[in-house]
């Protein structure tokens, strides 16, 4: 490949990389973990949650994540569940953008090394 074609490809990689970096900057708060809607049975024997068919209590929203190597669970309000869902989505988007940036950086690195050969050593 000629150095002009290589330089053109490199410029394309740099544009795409900077575009991804801008998108990364637009991401809001991030959180790891997952949010789940749960239904529970209570301890009262005569409650409808123990009937046939059972009418479980809920929904209750729960956030689960690893924090310092330990699994943490937290009950959330519907508003908090919506916020955590957005933040977890932001985290996934950030990870995807970073992965794409790494792929482009690897391709650009190969081209940069081809365009800028090492100077001869004085051995």
PDB file of N, CA and C in Angstrom:
ATOM      1  N   UNK A   1       0.840  -1.169   0.000  1.00  0.00           N
ATOM      2  CA  UNK A   1       0.000   0.000   0.000  1.00  0.00           C
ATOM      3  C   UNK A   1       0.889   1.239   0.000  1.00  0.00           C
ATOM      4  N   UNK A   2       0.530   2.231  -0.808  1.00  0.00           N
ATOM      5  CA  UNK A   2       1.335   3.441  -0.873  1.00  0.00           C
ATOM      6  C   UNK A   2       1.165   4.251   0.409  1.00  0.00           C
ATOM      7  N   UNK A   3       2.144   5.117   0.641  1.00  0.00           N
ATOM      8  CA  UNK A   3       2.079   5.905   1.869  1.00  0.00           C
ATOM      9  C   UNK A   3       0.914   6.890   1.821  1.00  0.00           C
ATOM     10  N   UNK A   4       0.502   7.345   0.617  1.00  0.00           N
ATOM     11  CA  UNK A   4      -0.646   8.245   0.509  1.00  0.00           C
ATOM     12  C   UNK A   4      -1.936   7.518   0.908  1.00  0.00           C
ATOM     13  N   UNK A   5      -2.100   6.269   0.429  1.00  0.00           N
ATOM     14  CA  UNK A   5      -3.281   5.486   0.800  1.00  0.00           C
ATOM     15  C   UNK A   5      -3.262   5.184   2.301  1.00  0.00           C
ATOM     16  N   UNK A   6      -2.089   4.886   2.798  1.00  0.00           N
ATOM     17  CA  UNK A   6      -1.953   4.596   4.222  1.00  0.00           C
ATOM     18  C   UNK A   6      -2.327   5.824   5.047  1.00  0.00           C
ATOM     19  N   UNK A   7      -1.847   6.989   4.640  1.00  0.00           N
ATOM     20  CA  UNK A   7      -2.152   8.230   5.359  1.00  0.00           C
ATOM     21  C   UNK A   7      -3.648   8.525   5.314  1.00  0.00           C
ATOM     22  N   UNK A   8      -4.286   8.272   4.172  1.00  0.00           N
ATOM     23  CA  UNK A   8      -5.724   8.486   4.041  1.00  0.00           C
ATOM     24  C   UNK A   8      -6.493   7.555   4.980  1.00  0.00           C
ATOM     25  N   UNK A   9      -6.105   6.291   5.034  1.00  0.00           N
ATOM     26  CA  UNK A   9      -6.749   5.345   5.944  1.00  0.00           C
ATOM     27  C   UNK A   9      -6.559   5.779   7.394  1.00  0.00           C
ATOM     28  N   UNK A  10      -5.342   6.238   7.718  1.00  0.00           N
ATOM     29  CA  UNK A  10      -5.048   6.684   9.072  1.00  0.00           C
ATOM     30  C   UNK A  10      -5.928   7.876   9.451  1.00  0.00           C
ATOM     31  N   UNK A  11      -6.118   8.809   8.528  1.00  0.00           N
ATOM     32  CA  UNK A  11      -6.990   9.956   8.793  1.00  0.00           C
ATOM     33  C   UNK A  11      -8.426   9.492   9.077  1.00  0.00           C
ATOM     34  N   UNK A  12      -8.874   8.498   8.337  1.00  0.00           N
ATOM     35  CA  UNK A  12     -10.208   7.947   8.568  1.00  0.00           C
ATOM     36  C   UNK A  12     -10.319   7.320   9.950  1.00  0.00           C
ATOM     37  N   UNK A  13      -9.294   6.575  10.345  1.00  0.00           N
ATOM     38  CA  UNK A  13      -9.285   5.984  11.686  1.00  0.00           C
ATOM     39  C   UNK A  13      -9.310   7.068  12.756  1.00  0.00           C
ATOM     40  N   UNK A  14      -8.535   8.147  12.561  1.00  0.00           N
ATOM     41  CA  UNK A  14      -8.485   9.225  13.542  1.00  0.00           C
ATOM     42  C   UNK A  14      -9.835   9.930  13.656  1.00  0.00           C
ATOM     43  N   UNK A  15     -10.508  10.153  12.510  1.00  0.00           N
ATOM     44  CA  UNK A  15     -11.835  10.771  12.550  1.00  0.00           C
ATOM     45  C   UNK A  15     -12.823   9.897  13.312  1.00  0.00           C
ATOM     46  N   UNK A  16     -12.824   8.606  13.003  1.00  0.00           N
ATOM     47  CA  UNK A  16     -13.750   7.679  13.667  1.00  0.00           C
ATOM     48  C   UNK A  16     -13.450   7.603  15.170  1.00  0.00           C
ATOM     49  N   UNK A  17     -12.164   7.579  15.518  1.00  0.00           N
ATOM     50  CA  UNK A  17     -11.754   7.508  16.921  1.00  0.00           C
ATOM     51  C   UNK A  17     -12.242   8.740  17.678  1.00  0.00           C
ATOM     52  N   UNK A  18     -12.055   9.919  17.104  1.00  0.00           N
ATOM     53  CA  UNK A  18     -12.478  11.157  17.755  1.00  0.00           C
ATOM     54  C   UNK A  18     -14.008  11.231  17.873  1.00  0.00           C
ATOM     55  N   UNK A  19     -14.712  10.709  16.854  1.00  0.00           N
ATOM     56  CA  UNK A  19     -16.166  10.659  16.910  1.00  0.00           C
ATOM     57  C   UNK A  19     -16.624   9.772  18.076  1.00  0.00           C
ATOM     58  N   UNK A  20     -15.994   8.609  18.224  1.00  0.00           N
ATOM     59  CA  UNK A  20     -16.325   7.718  19.340  1.00  0.00           C
ATOM     60  C   UNK A  20     -16.013   8.374  20.677  1.00  0.00           C
ATOM     61  N   UNK A  21     -14.893   9.106  20.747  1.00  0.00           N
ATOM     62  CA  UNK A  21     -14.519   9.798  21.993  1.00  0.00           C
ATOM     63  C   UNK A  21     -15.557  10.861  22.344  1.00  0.00           C
ATOM     64  N   UNK A  22     -16.082  11.571  21.334  1.00  0.00           N
ATOM     65  CA  UNK A  22     -17.135  12.555  21.590  1.00  0.00           C
ATOM     66  C   UNK A  22     -18.400  11.871  22.124  1.00  0.00           C
ATOM     67  N   UNK A  23     -18.747  10.727  21.525  1.00  0.00           N
ATOM     68  CA  UNK A  23     -19.915   9.994  21.999  1.00  0.00           C
ATOM     69  C   UNK A  23     -19.721   9.538  23.444  1.00  0.00           C
ATOM     70  N   UNK A  24     -18.512   9.135  23.762  1.00  0.00           N
ATOM     71  CA  UNK A  24     -18.212   8.705  25.122  1.00  0.00           C
ATOM     72  C   UNK A  24     -18.420   9.856  26.107  1.00  0.00           C
ATOM     73  N   UNK A  25     -18.038  11.064  25.682  1.00  0.00           N
ATOM     74  CA  UNK A  25     -18.209  12.240  26.528  1.00  0.00           C
ATOM     75  C   UNK A  25     -19.663  12.621  26.761  1.00  0.00           C
ATOM     76  N   UNK A  26     -20.556  12.168  25.895  1.00  0.00           N
ATOM     77  CA  UNK A  26     -21.979  12.488  26.021  1.00  0.00           C
ATOM     78  C   UNK A  26     -22.733  11.531  26.935  1.00  0.00           C
ATOM     79  N   UNK A  27     -22.074  10.466  27.361  1.00  0.00           N
ATOM     80  CA  UNK A  27     -22.732   9.480  28.218  1.00  0.00           C
ATOM     81  C   UNK A  27     -22.870  10.053  29.623  1.00  0.00           C
ATOM     82  N   UNK A  28     -24.028   9.831  30.216  1.00  0.00           N
ATOM     83  CA  UNK A  28     -24.279  10.324  31.577  1.00  0.00           C
ATOM     84  C   UNK A  28     -23.687   9.394  32.624  1.00  0.00           C
ATOM     85  N   UNK A  29     -24.266   9.423  33.795  1.00  0.00           N
ATOM     86  CA  UNK A  29     -23.796   8.589  34.898  1.00  0.00           C
ATOM     87  C   UNK A  29     -23.846   7.118  34.516  1.00  0.00           C
ATOM     88  N   UNK A  30     -22.951   6.351  35.103  1.00  0.00           N
ATOM     89  CA  UNK A  30     -22.906   4.917  34.841  1.00  0.00           C
ATOM     90  C   UNK A  30     -22.983   4.141  36.152  1.00  0.00           C
ATOM     91  N   UNK A  31     -23.509   2.937  36.042  1.00  0.00           N
ATOM     92  CA  UNK A  31     -23.562   2.021  37.194  1.00  0.00           C
ATOM     93  C   UNK A  31     -23.462   0.613  36.636  1.00  0.00           C
ATOM     94  N   UNK A  32     -22.893  -0.267  37.421  1.00  0.00           N
ATOM     95  CA  UNK A  32     -22.825  -1.668  37.015  1.00  0.00           C
ATOM     96  C   UNK A  32     -23.923  -2.433  37.732  1.00  0.00           C
ATOM     97  N   UNK A  33     -24.133  -3.655  37.309  1.00  0.00           N
ATOM     98  CA  UNK A  33     -25.127  -4.493  37.959  1.00  0.00           C
ATOM     99  C   UNK A  33     -26.338  -4.718  37.085  1.00  0.00           C
ATOM    100  N   UNK A  34     -27.428  -5.106  37.745  1.00  0.00           N
ATOM    101  CA  UNK A  34     -28.667  -5.353  37.020  1.00  0.00           C
ATOM    102  C   UNK A  34     -29.853  -4.956  37.896  1.00  0.00           C
ATOM    103  N   UNK A  35     -30.957  -4.660  37.228  1.00  0.00           N
ATOM    104  CA  UNK A  35     -32.199  -4.313  37.908  1.00  0.00           C
ATOM    105  C   UNK A  35     -33.218  -5.384  37.536  1.00  0.00           C
ATOM    106  N   UNK A  36     -33.910  -5.911  38.541  1.00  0.00           N
ATOM    107  CA  UNK A  36     -34.909  -6.957  38.299  1.00  0.00           C
ATOM    108  C   UNK A  36     -36.195  -6.638  39.047  1.00  0.00           C
ATOM    109  N   UNK A  37     -37.294  -7.007  38.417  1.00  0.00           N
ATOM    110  CA  UNK A  37     -38.606  -6.878  39.031  1.00  0.00           C
ATOM    111  C   UNK A  37     -38.918  -8.218  39.701  1.00  0.00           C
ATOM    112  N   UNK A  38     -39.290  -8.177  40.983  1.00  0.00           N
ATOM    113  CA  UNK A  38     -39.539  -9.425  41.707  1.00  0.00           C
ATOM    114  C   UNK A  38     -40.909  -9.393  42.377  1.00  0.00           C
ATOM    115  N   UNK A  39     -41.459 -10.592  42.543  1.00  0.00           N
ATOM    116  CA  UNK A  39     -42.719 -10.797  43.254  1.00  0.00           C
ATOM    117  C   UNK A  39     -42.440 -11.797  44.371  1.00  0.00           C
ATOM    118  N   UNK A  40     -43.003 -11.566  45.552  1.00  0.00           N
ATOM    119  CA  UNK A  40     -42.669 -12.385  46.718  1.00  0.00           C
ATOM    120  C   UNK A  40     -43.907 -12.968  47.394  1.00  0.00           C
ATOM    121  N   UNK A  41     -43.670 -13.995  48.195  1.00  0.00           N
ATOM    122  CA  UNK A  41     -44.659 -14.537  49.122  1.00  0.00           C
ATOM    123  C   UNK A  41     -44.305 -14.021  50.514  1.00  0.00           C
ATOM    124  N   UNK A  42     -45.334 -13.803  51.313  1.00  0.00           N
ATOM    125  CA  UNK A  42     -45.087 -13.368  52.688  1.00  0.00           C
ATOM    126  C   UNK A  42     -45.156 -14.566  53.627  1.00  0.00           C
ATOM    127  N   UNK A  43     -45.049 -14.332  54.915  1.00  0.00           N
ATOM    128  CA  UNK A  43     -45.047 -15.409  55.888  1.00  0.00           C
ATOM    129  C   UNK A  43     -46.416 -15.725  56.490  1.00  0.00           C
ATOM    130  N   UNK A  44     -47.452 -15.020  56.041  1.00  0.00           N
ATOM    131  CA  UNK A  44     -48.794 -15.256  56.581  1.00  0.00           C
ATOM    132  C   UNK A  44     -49.438 -16.426  55.845  1.00  0.00           C
ATOM    133  N   UNK A  45     -49.780 -17.468  56.561  1.00  0.00           N
ATOM    134  CA  UNK A  45     -50.304 -18.699  55.956  1.00  0.00           C
ATOM    135  C   UNK A  45     -51.622 -18.484  55.212  1.00  0.00           C
ATOM    136  N   UNK A  46     -52.478 -17.584  55.684  1.00  0.00           N
ATOM    137  CA  UNK A  46     -53.789 -17.381  55.069  1.00  0.00           C
ATOM    138  C   UNK A  46     -53.784 -16.314  53.972  1.00  0.00           C
ATOM    139  N   UNK A  47     -52.630 -15.805  53.587  1.00  0.00           N
ATOM    140  CA  UNK A  47     -52.534 -14.741  52.586  1.00  0.00           C
ATOM    141  C   UNK A  47     -52.772 -15.311  51.185  1.00  0.00           C
ATOM    142  N   UNK A  48     -53.278 -14.481  50.301  1.00  0.00           N
ATOM    143  CA  UNK A  48     -53.541 -14.888  48.916  1.00  0.00           C
ATOM    144  C   UNK A  48     -52.261 -15.284  48.175  1.00  0.00           C
ATOM    145  N   UNK A  49     -51.134 -14.868  48.670  1.00  0.00           N
ATOM    146  CA  UNK A  49     -49.876 -15.233  47.999  1.00  0.00           C
ATOM    147  C   UNK A  49     -49.570 -16.722  48.136  1.00  0.00           C
ATOM    148  N   UNK A  50     -50.273 -17.420  49.060  1.00  0.00           N
ATOM    149  CA  UNK A  50     -50.092 -18.861  49.233  1.00  0.00           C
ATOM    150  C   UNK A  50     -51.236 -19.664  48.600  1.00  0.00           C
ATOM    151  N   UNK A  51     -52.164 -18.947  47.936  1.00  0.00           N
ATOM    152  CA  UNK A  51     -53.322 -19.606  47.349  1.00  0.00           C
ATOM    153  C   UNK A  51     -52.996 -20.354  46.067  1.00  0.00           C
ATOM    154  N   UNK A  52     -54.071 -20.894  45.458  1.00  0.00           N
ATOM    155  CA  UNK A  52     -53.916 -21.633  44.197  1.00  0.00           C
ATOM    156  C   UNK A  52     -54.892 -21.036  43.193  1.00  0.00           C
ATOM    157  N   UNK A  53     -54.481 -20.263  42.258  1.00  0.00           N
ATOM    158  CA  UNK A  53     -53.106 -19.839  41.969  1.00  0.00           C
ATOM    159  C   UNK A  53     -52.666 -18.733  42.937  1.00  0.00           C
ATOM    160  N   UNK A  54     -51.367 -18.639  43.171  1.00  0.00           N
ATOM    161  CA  UNK A  54     -50.877 -17.624  44.108  1.00  0.00           C
ATOM    162  C   UNK A  54     -50.983 -16.224  43.502  1.00  0.00           C
ATOM    163  N   UNK A  55     -51.312 -15.258  44.346  1.00  0.00           N
ATOM    164  CA  UNK A  55     -51.267 -13.843  43.962  1.00  0.00           C
ATOM    165  C   UNK A  55     -50.121 -13.221  44.766  1.00  0.00           C
ATOM    166  N   UNK A  56     -48.965 -13.183  44.153  1.00  0.00           N
ATOM    167  CA  UNK A  56     -47.748 -12.744  44.845  1.00  0.00           C
ATOM    168  C   UNK A  56     -47.754 -11.244  45.103  1.00  0.00           C
ATOM    169  N   UNK A  57     -47.001 -10.828  46.116  1.00  0.00           N
ATOM    170  CA  UNK A  57     -46.836  -9.410  46.455  1.00  0.00           C
ATOM    171  C   UNK A  57     -45.811  -8.795  45.508  1.00  0.00           C
ATOM    172  N   UNK A  58     -46.058  -7.578  45.134  1.00  0.00           N
ATOM    173  CA  UNK A  58     -45.093  -6.894  44.281  1.00  0.00           C
ATOM    174  C   UNK A  58     -45.803  -6.123  43.191  1.00  0.00           C
ATOM    175  N   UNK A  59     -45.085  -5.609  42.245  1.00  0.00           N
ATOM    176  CA  UNK A  59     -43.668  -5.860  42.000  1.00  0.00           C
ATOM    177  C   UNK A  59     -42.767  -5.045  42.932  1.00  0.00           C
ATOM    178  N   UNK A  60     -41.629  -5.627  43.216  1.00  0.00           N
ATOM    179  CA  UNK A  60     -40.566  -4.963  43.963  1.00  0.00           C
ATOM    180  C   UNK A  60     -39.350  -4.933  43.049  1.00  0.00           C
ATOM    181  N   UNK A  61     -38.701  -3.791  43.007  1.00  0.00           N
ATOM    182  CA  UNK A  61     -37.518  -3.638  42.156  1.00  0.00           C
ATOM    183  C   UNK A  61     -36.263  -3.843  42.996  1.00  0.00           C
ATOM    184  N   UNK A  62     -35.310  -4.608  42.437  1.00  0.00           N
ATOM    185  CA  UNK A  62     -34.050  -4.889  43.126  1.00  0.00           C
ATOM    186  C   UNK A  62     -32.879  -4.614  42.193  1.00  0.00           C
ATOM    187  N   UNK A  63     -31.853  -3.980  42.757  1.00  0.00           N
ATOM    188  CA  UNK A  63     -30.582  -3.772  42.049  1.00  0.00           C
ATOM    189  C   UNK A  63     -29.578  -4.728  42.672  1.00  0.00           C
ATOM    190  N   UNK A  64     -28.826  -5.437  41.821  1.00  0.00           N
ATOM    191  CA  UNK A  64     -27.800  -6.367  42.274  1.00  0.00           C
ATOM    192  C   UNK A  64     -26.505  -6.043  41.541  1.00  0.00           C
ATOM    193  N   UNK A  65     -25.395  -6.009  42.288  1.00  0.00           N
ATOM    194  CA  UNK A  65     -24.088  -5.740  41.681  1.00  0.00           C
ATOM    195  C   UNK A  65     -22.989  -6.277  42.579  1.00  0.00           C
ATOM    196  N   UNK A  66     -21.808  -6.426  41.998  1.00  0.00           N
ATOM    197  CA  UNK A  66     -20.616  -6.764  42.774  1.00  0.00           C
ATOM    198  C   UNK A  66     -19.951  -5.461  43.205  1.00  0.00           C
ATOM    199  N   UNK A  67     -19.738  -5.324  44.506  1.00  0.00           N
ATOM    200  CA  UNK A  67     -19.059  -4.153  45.056  1.00  0.00           C
ATOM    201  C   UNK A  67     -17.939  -4.669  45.946  1.00  0.00           C
ATOM    202  N   UNK A  68     -16.713  -4.338  45.591  1.00  0.00           N
ATOM    203  CA  UNK A  68     -15.536  -4.802  46.332  1.00  0.00           C
ATOM    204  C   UNK A  68     -15.536  -6.321  46.493  1.00  0.00           C
ATOM    205  N   UNK A  69     -15.910  -7.026  45.440  1.00  0.00           N
ATOM    206  CA  UNK A  69     -15.880  -8.482  45.443  1.00  0.00           C
ATOM    207  C   UNK A  69     -17.059  -9.156  46.124  1.00  0.00           C
ATOM    208  N   UNK A  70     -17.999  -8.384  46.601  1.00  0.00           N
ATOM    209  CA  UNK A  70     -19.165  -8.948  47.287  1.00  0.00           C
ATOM    210  C   UNK A  70     -20.427  -8.577  46.522  1.00  0.00           C
ATOM    211  N   UNK A  71     -21.392  -9.479  46.523  1.00  0.00           N
ATOM    212  CA  UNK A  71     -22.669  -9.198  45.881  1.00  0.00           C
ATOM    213  C   UNK A  71     -23.519  -8.335  46.795  1.00  0.00           C
ATOM    214  N   UNK A  72     -24.012  -7.239  46.254  1.00  0.00           N
ATOM    215  CA  UNK A  72     -24.838  -6.296  47.002  1.00  0.00           C
ATOM    216  C   UNK A  72     -26.222  -6.270  46.359  1.00  0.00           C
ATOM    217  N   UNK A  73     -27.261  -6.321  47.175  1.00  0.00           N
ATOM    218  CA  UNK A  73     -28.643  -6.211  46.722  1.00  0.00           C
ATOM    219  C   UNK A  73     -29.278  -5.022  47.406  1.00  0.00           C
ATOM    220  N   UNK A  74     -30.100  -4.293  46.657  1.00  0.00           N
ATOM    221  CA  UNK A  74     -30.788  -3.144  47.235  1.00  0.00           C
ATOM    222  C   UNK A  74     -32.193  -3.083  46.649  1.00  0.00           C
ATOM    223  N   UNK A  75     -33.187  -2.896  47.514  1.00  0.00           N
ATOM    224  CA  UNK A  75     -34.551  -2.700  47.037  1.00  0.00           C
ATOM    225  C   UNK A  75     -34.672  -1.251  46.566  1.00  0.00           C
ATOM    226  N   UNK A  76     -35.343  -1.060  45.427  1.00  0.00           N
ATOM    227  CA  UNK A  76     -35.457   0.264  44.826  1.00  0.00           C
ATOM    228  C   UNK A  76     -36.914   0.668  44.675  1.00  0.00           C
ATOM    229  N   UNK A  77     -37.132   1.966  44.673  1.00  0.00           N
ATOM    230  CA  UNK A  77     -38.449   2.486  44.310  1.00  0.00           C
ATOM    231  C   UNK A  77     -38.550   2.411  42.770  1.00  0.00           C
ATOM    232  N   UNK A  78     -39.746   2.518  42.219  1.00  0.00           N
ATOM    233  CA  UNK A  78     -39.853   2.518  40.752  1.00  0.00           C
ATOM    234  C   UNK A  78     -39.016   3.618  40.101  1.00  0.00           C
ATOM    235  N   UNK A  79     -38.952   4.804  40.716  1.00  0.00           N
ATOM    236  CA  UNK A  79     -38.137   5.906  40.185  1.00  0.00           C
ATOM    237  C   UNK A  79     -36.648   5.536  40.198  1.00  0.00           C
ATOM    238  N   UNK A  80     -36.190   4.969  41.316  1.00  0.00           N
ATOM    239  CA  UNK A  80     -34.792   4.553  41.417  1.00  0.00           C
ATOM    240  C   UNK A  80     -34.484   3.447  40.413  1.00  0.00           C
ATOM    241  N   UNK A  81     -35.428   2.527  40.210  1.00  0.00           N
ATOM    242  CA  UNK A  81     -35.224   1.446  39.244  1.00  0.00           C
ATOM    243  C   UNK A  81     -35.048   2.007  37.837  1.00  0.00           C
ATOM    244  N   UNK A  82     -35.841   3.019  37.488  1.00  0.00           N
ATOM    245  CA  UNK A  82     -35.718   3.647  36.167  1.00  0.00           C
ATOM    246  C   UNK A  82     -34.350   4.320  36.015  1.00  0.00           C
ATOM    247  N   UNK A  83     -33.901   5.006  37.060  1.00  0.00           N
ATOM    248  CA  UNK A  83     -32.586   5.658  37.011  1.00  0.00           C
ATOM    249  C   UNK A  83     -31.470   4.622  36.867  1.00  0.00           C
ATOM    250  N   UNK A  84     -31.500   3.578  37.697  1.00  0.00           N
ATOM    251  CA  UNK A  84     -30.469   2.542  37.612  1.00  0.00           C
ATOM    252  C   UNK A  84     -30.474   1.866  36.242  1.00  0.00           C
ATOM    253  N   UNK A  85     -31.646   1.644  35.687  1.00  0.00           N
ATOM    254  CA  UNK A  85     -31.731   1.032  34.360  1.00  0.00           C
ATOM    255  C   UNK A  85     -31.027   1.906  33.326  1.00  0.00           C
ATOM    256  N   UNK A  86     -31.247   3.219  33.402  1.00  0.00           N
ATOM    257  CA  UNK A  86     -30.557   4.142  32.483  1.00  0.00           C
ATOM    258  C   UNK A  86     -29.047   4.109  32.712  1.00  0.00           C
ATOM    259  N   UNK A  87     -28.623   4.145  33.968  1.00  0.00           N
ATOM    260  CA  UNK A  87     -27.190   4.172  34.278  1.00  0.00           C
ATOM    261  C   UNK A  87     -26.497   2.884  33.835  1.00  0.00           C
ATOM    262  N   UNK A  88     -27.163   1.759  34.009  1.00  0.00           N
ATOM    263  CA  UNK A  88     -26.588   0.483  33.578  1.00  0.00           C
ATOM    264  C   UNK A  88     -26.495   0.445  32.053  1.00  0.00           C
ATOM    265  N   UNK A  89     -27.508   0.985  31.380  1.00  0.00           N
ATOM    266  CA  UNK A  89     -27.446   1.103  29.916  1.00  0.00           C
ATOM    267  C   UNK A  89     -26.292   1.987  29.473  1.00  0.00           C
ATOM    268  N   UNK A  90     -26.060   3.081  30.205  1.00  0.00           N
ATOM    269  CA  UNK A  90     -24.924   3.959  29.900  1.00  0.00           C
ATOM    270  C   UNK A  90     -23.599   3.222  30.055  1.00  0.00           C
ATOM    271  N   UNK A  91     -23.513   2.384  31.084  1.00  0.00           N
ATOM    272  CA  UNK A  91     -22.288   1.609  31.305  1.00  0.00           C
ATOM    273  C   UNK A  91     -22.039   0.656  30.133  1.00  0.00           C
ATOM    274  N   UNK A  92     -23.081  -0.009  29.669  1.00  0.00           N
ATOM    275  CA  UNK A  92     -22.930  -0.916  28.528  1.00  0.00           C
ATOM    276  C   UNK A  92     -22.498  -0.154  27.283  1.00  0.00           C
ATOM    277  N   UNK A  93     -23.108   1.016  27.074  1.00  0.00           N
ATOM    278  CA  UNK A  93     -22.746   1.838  25.906  1.00  0.00           C
ATOM    279  C   UNK A  93     -21.290   2.293  26.007  1.00  0.00           C
ATOM    280  N   UNK A  94     -20.853   2.707  27.188  1.00  0.00           N
ATOM    281  CA  UNK A  94     -19.461   3.142  27.377  1.00  0.00           C
ATOM    282  C   UNK A  94     -18.490   1.995  27.088  1.00  0.00           C
ATOM    283  N   UNK A  95     -18.816   0.805  27.556  1.00  0.00           N
ATOM    284  CA  UNK A  95     -17.952  -0.351  27.307  1.00  0.00           C
ATOM    285  C   UNK A  95     -17.861  -0.661  25.815  1.00  0.00           C
ATOM    286  N   UNK A  96     -18.996  -0.551  25.103  1.00  0.00           N
ATOM    287  CA  UNK A  96     -19.006  -0.798  23.659  1.00  0.00           C
ATOM    288  C   UNK A  96     -18.160   0.238  22.934  1.00  0.00           C
ATOM    289  N   UNK A  97     -18.326   1.514  23.300  1.00  0.00           N
ATOM    290  CA  UNK A  97     -17.532   2.572  22.665  1.00  0.00           C
ATOM    291  C   UNK A  97     -16.039   2.374  22.919  1.00  0.00           C
ATOM    292  N   UNK A  98     -15.661   2.034  24.142  1.00  0.00           N
ATOM    293  CA  UNK A  98     -14.247   1.799  24.456  1.00  0.00           C
ATOM    294  C   UNK A  98     -13.700   0.617  23.667  1.00  0.00           C
ATOM    295  N   UNK A  99     -14.489  -0.415  23.504  1.00  0.00           N
ATOM    296  CA  UNK A  99     -14.061  -1.568  22.715  1.00  0.00           C
ATOM    297  C   UNK A  99     -13.819  -1.164  21.262  1.00  0.00           C
ATOM    298  N   UNK A 100     -14.733  -0.364  20.713  1.00  0.00           N
ATOM    299  CA  UNK A 100     -14.562   0.103  19.334  1.00  0.00           C
ATOM    300  C   UNK A 100     -13.333   0.996  19.211  1.00  0.00           C
ATOM    301  N   UNK A 101     -13.102   1.839  20.233  1.00  0.00           N
ATOM    302  CA  UNK A 101     -11.923   2.712  20.212  1.00  0.00           C
ATOM    303  C   UNK A 101     -10.641   1.883  20.238  1.00  0.00           C
ATOM    304  N   UNK A 102     -10.611   0.818  21.039  1.00  0.00           N
ATOM    305  CA  UNK A 102      -9.432  -0.049  21.093  1.00  0.00           C
ATOM    306  C   UNK A 102      -9.177  -0.716  19.752  1.00  0.00           C
ATOM    307  N   UNK A 103     -10.243  -1.178  19.086  1.00  0.00           N
ATOM    308  CA  UNK A 103     -10.084  -1.808  17.770  1.00  0.00           C
ATOM    309  C   UNK A 103      -9.506  -0.831  16.758  1.00  0.00           C
ATOM    310  N   UNK A 104     -10.035   0.388  16.735  1.00  0.00           N
ATOM    311  CA  UNK A 104      -9.543   1.396  15.799  1.00  0.00           C
ATOM    312  C   UNK A 104      -8.104   1.774  16.140  1.00  0.00           C
ATOM    313  N   UNK A 105      -7.798   1.909  17.423  1.00  0.00           N
ATOM    314  CA  UNK A 105      -6.434   2.258  17.832  1.00  0.00           C
ATOM    315  C   UNK A 105      -5.439   1.180  17.394  1.00  0.00           C
ATOM    316  N   UNK A 106      -5.840  -0.082  17.472  1.00  0.00           N
ATOM    317  CA  UNK A 106      -4.944  -1.166  17.048  1.00  0.00           C
ATOM    318  C   UNK A 106      -4.670  -1.081  15.551  1.00  0.00           C
ATOM    319  N   UNK A 107      -5.701  -0.805  14.754  1.00  0.00           N
ATOM    320  CA  UNK A 107      -5.511  -0.661  13.303  1.00  0.00           C
ATOM    321  C   UNK A 107      -4.641   0.547  12.989  1.00  0.00           C
ATOM    322  N   UNK A 108      -4.893   1.653  13.687  1.00  0.00           N
ATOM    323  CA  UNK A 108      -4.110   2.870  13.458  1.00  0.00           C
ATOM    324  C   UNK A 108      -2.656   2.664  13.855  1.00  0.00           C
ATOM    325  N   UNK A 109      -2.417   1.921  14.923  1.00  0.00           N
ATOM    326  CA  UNK A 109      -1.054   1.657  15.384  1.00  0.00           C
ATOM    327  C   UNK A 109      -0.247   0.957  14.299  1.00  0.00           C
ATOM    328  N   UNK A 110      -0.841  -0.035  13.662  1.00  0.00           N
ATOM    329  CA  UNK A 110      -0.149  -0.745  12.576  1.00  0.00           C
ATOM    330  C   UNK A 110       0.230   0.214  11.460  1.00  0.00           C
ATOM    331  N   UNK A 111      -0.687   1.102  11.089  1.00  0.00           N
ATOM    332  CA  UNK A 111      -0.402   2.053  10.009  1.00  0.00           C
ATOM    333  C   UNK A 111       0.651   3.074  10.424  1.00  0.00           C
ATOM    334  N   UNK A 112       0.583   3.551  11.659  1.00  0.00           N
ATOM    335  CA  UNK A 112       1.566   4.529  12.144  1.00  0.00           C
ATOM    336  C   UNK A 112       2.961   3.930  12.107  1.00  0.00           C
ATOM    337  N   UNK A 113       3.079   2.681  12.514  1.00  0.00           N
ATOM    338  CA  UNK A 113       4.388   2.036  12.508  1.00  0.00           C
ATOM    339  C   UNK A 113       4.914   1.850  11.084  1.00  0.00           C
ATOM    340  N   UNK A 114       4.026   1.633  10.116  1.00  0.00           N
ATOM    341  CA  UNK A 114       4.448   1.529   8.711  1.00  0.00           C
ATOM    342  C   UNK A 114       4.894   2.874   8.163  1.00  0.00           C
ATOM    343  N   UNK A 115       4.190   3.956   8.564  1.00  0.00           N
ATOM    344  CA  UNK A 115       4.523   5.291   8.058  1.00  0.00           C
ATOM    345  C   UNK A 115       5.794   5.858   8.680  1.00  0.00           C
ATOM    346  N   UNK A 116       6.093   5.464   9.904  1.00  0.00           N
ATOM    347  CA  UNK A 116       7.241   6.013  10.616  1.00  0.00           C
ATOM    348  C   UNK A 116       8.220   4.896  10.958  1.00  0.00           C
ATOM    349  N   UNK A 117       9.017   4.464   9.982  1.00  0.00           N
ATOM    350  CA  UNK A 117       9.975   3.408  10.283  1.00  0.00           C
ATOM    351  C   UNK A 117      11.021   3.887  11.279  1.00  0.00           C
ATOM    352  N   UNK A 118      11.577   2.929  11.999  1.00  0.00           N
ATOM    353  CA  UNK A 118      12.602   3.274  12.994  1.00  0.00           C
ATOM    354  C   UNK A 118      13.857   3.764  12.281  1.00  0.00           C
ATOM    355  N   UNK A 119      14.516   4.758  12.877  1.00  0.00           N
ATOM    356  CA  UNK A 119      15.791   5.209  12.278  1.00  0.00           C
ATOM    357  C   UNK A 119      16.849   4.113  12.429  1.00  0.00           C
ATOM    358  N   UNK A 120      17.802   4.072  11.518  1.00  0.00           N
ATOM    359  CA  UNK A 120      18.841   3.042  11.638  1.00  0.00           C
ATOM    360  C   UNK A 120      19.632   3.242  12.943  1.00  0.00           C
ATOM    361  N   UNK A 121      20.016   2.123  13.543  1.00  0.00           N
ATOM    362  CA  UNK A 121      20.778   2.201  14.791  1.00  0.00           C
ATOM    363  C   UNK A 121      22.253   2.426  14.476  1.00  0.00           C
ATOM    364  N   UNK A 122      22.957   2.962  15.441  1.00  0.00           N
ATOM    365  CA  UNK A 122      24.388   3.271  15.283  1.00  0.00           C
ATOM    366  C   UNK A 122      25.251   2.169  15.844  1.00  0.00           C
ATOM    367  N   UNK A 123      24.879   0.906  15.666  1.00  0.00           N
ATOM    368  CA  UNK A 123      25.661  -0.161  16.231  1.00  0.00           C
ATOM    369  C   UNK A 123      26.852  -0.472  15.393  1.00  0.00           C
TER     370      UNK A 123
END
